[in-house]
Amino acid sequence: MGGTGTVKGPPDMADISGGVTTEAPTAAAALTANTAAMNRVGTALDVLVTPGAKQMNGLNFGIYGA
């Protein structure tokens, strides 16, 4: 027994990984700069989202010392 088929439809999910790395004299300064940079990334990605689609979500946050 065998068979073939094709399914077509709009994608309903995209998994994108990325990030921003910021170095600053203090963790607070790095956090402020990193927040601004990630907001710019989010704004840039918003133009790619289909109107009416669910919003993007997800967060991974880390602070690493030198």
C-alpha atoms as a PDB file:
ATOM      1  CA  MET A   1       0.000   0.000   0.000  1.00  0.00           C
ATOM      2  CA  GLY A   2       1.317   3.474  -0.775  1.00  0.00           C
ATOM      3  CA  GLY A   3       0.244   6.957  -1.575  1.00  0.00           C
ATOM      4  CA  THR A   4       1.325  10.532  -2.003  1.00  0.00           C
ATOM      5  CA  GLY A   5      -0.225  13.842  -1.149  1.00  0.00           C
ATOM      6  CA  THR A   6       0.380  17.536  -0.942  1.00  0.00           C
ATOM      7  CA  VAL A   7      -0.780  19.919   1.713  1.00  0.00           C
ATOM      8  CA  LYS A   8      -0.684  23.654   1.166  1.00  0.00           C
ATOM      9  CA  GLY A   9      -1.541  26.423   3.590  1.00  0.00           C
ATOM     10  CA  PRO A  10      -0.228  29.565   5.127  1.00  0.00           C
ATOM     11  CA  PRO A  11       2.485  29.135   7.757  1.00  0.00           C
ATOM     12  CA  ASP A  12       1.215  29.607  11.283  1.00  0.00           C
ATOM     13  CA  MET A  13       4.490  29.805  13.162  1.00  0.00           C
ATOM     14  CA  ALA A  14       8.014  31.066  12.775  1.00  0.00           C
ATOM     15  CA  ASP A  15      10.810  30.348  15.209  1.00  0.00           C
ATOM     16  CA  ILE A  16      13.492  33.021  15.042  1.00  0.00           C
ATOM     17  CA  SER A  17      16.472  33.246  17.358  1.00  0.00           C
ATOM     18  CA  GLY A  18      18.573  36.348  17.756  1.00  0.00           C
ATOM     19  CA  GLY A  19      19.934  38.679  20.298  1.00  0.00           C
ATOM     20  CA  VAL A  20      21.820  41.792  21.200  1.00  0.00           C
ATOM     21  CA  THR A  21      25.058  41.987  23.135  1.00  0.00           C
ATOM     22  CA  THR A  22      25.978  45.205  24.904  1.00  0.00           C
ATOM     23  CA  GLU A  23      29.101  46.074  26.851  1.00  0.00           C
ATOM     24  CA  ALA A  24      29.056  48.996  29.276  1.00  0.00           C
ATOM     25  CA  PRO A  25      30.835  50.129  32.443  1.00  0.00           C
ATOM     26  CA  THR A  26      27.921  48.965  34.620  1.00  0.00           C
ATOM     27  CA  ALA A  27      25.197  46.354  34.358  1.00  0.00           C
ATOM     28  CA  ALA A  28      22.580  49.116  34.611  1.00  0.00           C
ATOM     29  CA  ALA A  29      24.066  50.986  31.651  1.00  0.00           C
ATOM     30  CA  ALA A  30      24.277  47.780  29.623  1.00  0.00           C
ATOM     31  CA  LEU A  31      20.662  46.940  30.468  1.00  0.00           C
ATOM     32  CA  THR A  32      19.467  50.370  29.350  1.00  0.00           C
ATOM     33  CA  ALA A  33      21.386  50.178  26.069  1.00  0.00           C
ATOM     34  CA  ASN A  34      20.374  46.559  25.469  1.00  0.00           C
ATOM     35  CA  THR A  35      16.696  47.323  26.088  1.00  0.00           C
ATOM     36  CA  ALA A  36      16.797  50.137  23.522  1.00  0.00           C
ATOM     37  CA  ALA A  37      18.539  47.886  20.985  1.00  0.00           C
ATOM     38  CA  MET A  38      16.065  45.021  21.456  1.00  0.00           C
ATOM     39  CA  ASN A  39      13.158  47.442  21.114  1.00  0.00           C
ATOM     40  CA  ARG A  40      14.586  48.521  17.743  1.00  0.00           C
ATOM     41  CA  VAL A  41      14.881  44.860  16.704  1.00  0.00           C
ATOM     42  CA  GLY A  42      11.280  44.204  17.761  1.00  0.00           C
ATOM     43  CA  THR A  43      10.047  47.240  15.834  1.00  0.00           C
ATOM     44  CA  ALA A  44      11.910  46.081  12.728  1.00  0.00           C
ATOM     45  CA  LEU A  45      10.392  42.589  13.019  1.00  0.00           C
ATOM     46  CA  ASP A  46       6.890  43.991  13.547  1.00  0.00           C
ATOM     47  CA  VAL A  47       6.781  45.115   9.912  1.00  0.00           C
ATOM     48  CA  LEU A  48       7.195  41.474   8.858  1.00  0.00           C
ATOM     49  CA  VAL A  49       4.213  40.183  10.857  1.00  0.00           C
ATOM     50  CA  THR A  50       1.009  39.619   8.902  1.00  0.00           C
ATOM     51  CA  PRO A  51      -1.741  42.012  10.018  1.00  0.00           C
ATOM     52  CA  GLY A  52      -4.120  40.222  12.359  1.00  0.00           C
ATOM     53  CA  ALA A  53      -1.544  37.570  13.267  1.00  0.00           C
ATOM     54  CA  LYS A  54      -0.753  36.756  16.849  1.00  0.00           C
ATOM     55  CA  GLN A  55       1.940  38.882  18.357  1.00  0.00           C
ATOM     56  CA  MET A  56       5.492  37.734  18.753  1.00  0.00           C
ATOM     57  CA  ASN A  57       6.501  36.518  22.161  1.00  0.00           C
ATOM     58  CA  GLY A  58       9.434  35.054  23.969  1.00  0.00           C
ATOM     59  CA  LEU A  59      12.244  36.275  26.145  1.00  0.00           C
ATOM     60  CA  ASN A  60      15.590  35.035  27.308  1.00  0.00           C
ATOM     61  CA  PHE A  61      17.603  37.361  29.505  1.00  0.00           C
ATOM     62  CA  GLY A  62      21.110  36.944  30.825  1.00  0.00           C
ATOM     63  CA  ILE A  63      23.856  39.013  32.412  1.00  0.00           C
ATOM     64  CA  TYR A  64      27.394  37.733  32.149  1.00  0.00           C
ATOM     65  CA  GLY A  65      30.390  39.253  33.882  1.00  0.00           C
ATOM     66  CA  ALA A  66      33.816  39.561  32.351  1.00  0.00           C
END
